[in-house]
Amino acid sequence: MPIRSEHTIAFSGLKDGRHDFHYAVGAPFFQDRSDEEVHDADLRVTVELDKSPSMLVTLIHVSGTVQVDCDHCNTPLDFPLEGDQRQIFRFTGQDPNGDDEEIVGLDPHAHEVDLGHYIYECVRLALPIRRVHAPGQCDPEVELSDEPASPNEDTDAPDPRWKALEALKDQRS
């Protein structure tokens, strides 16, 4: 028997109509999914479930902060996060339309749905590809290594390798 997730909604006892569920998501949620990018999290999740006889329509809203590594200096960065995702579950027993990832088929005899995967998906999709500190907030050592060479340095001195290539070119001519 599979372990029941804390994000599982037992909808069989619910009346048709709208129902709200609230969850807190932290670091263990991401550790359970072997996510090495998210080190810590303080997220609030609100699930609005609209139940009808033929389907469940869920709107997942996530807000809070996640701690990830800065892509520039590789130090921890508390990143504010806000995201929404709609997921539809139809009581068909199979996926009704393979092209639409928003619609998922549920067994008509099912009595609960685990939203853990969809909450995780919502968080991951809300994270931008590039995550960096605000200007001036990165590790100072990395900031110094990114600065261009100072004008006092002799940058006009020719590379000795080019002199050797010039000599070879002159010999061929």
Foldseek 3Di string as FASTA:
>chain_A
DDDDDPQKDQCQPPDAAKDKDKDWDWQVLVVVVVNPFFRIWTKIWMWIWGDDLFKIKIKIWIWGWTWGAAPQQRDIDTHTWIWIAIAMEGQDCAQPDPVDPRYGYDPVPDRMDRCSVVNVVRRVVRDDPHHHDDPPPHDVVSVVVPDDDDPVDPPVDDDVVVVVVVVVVVVVD
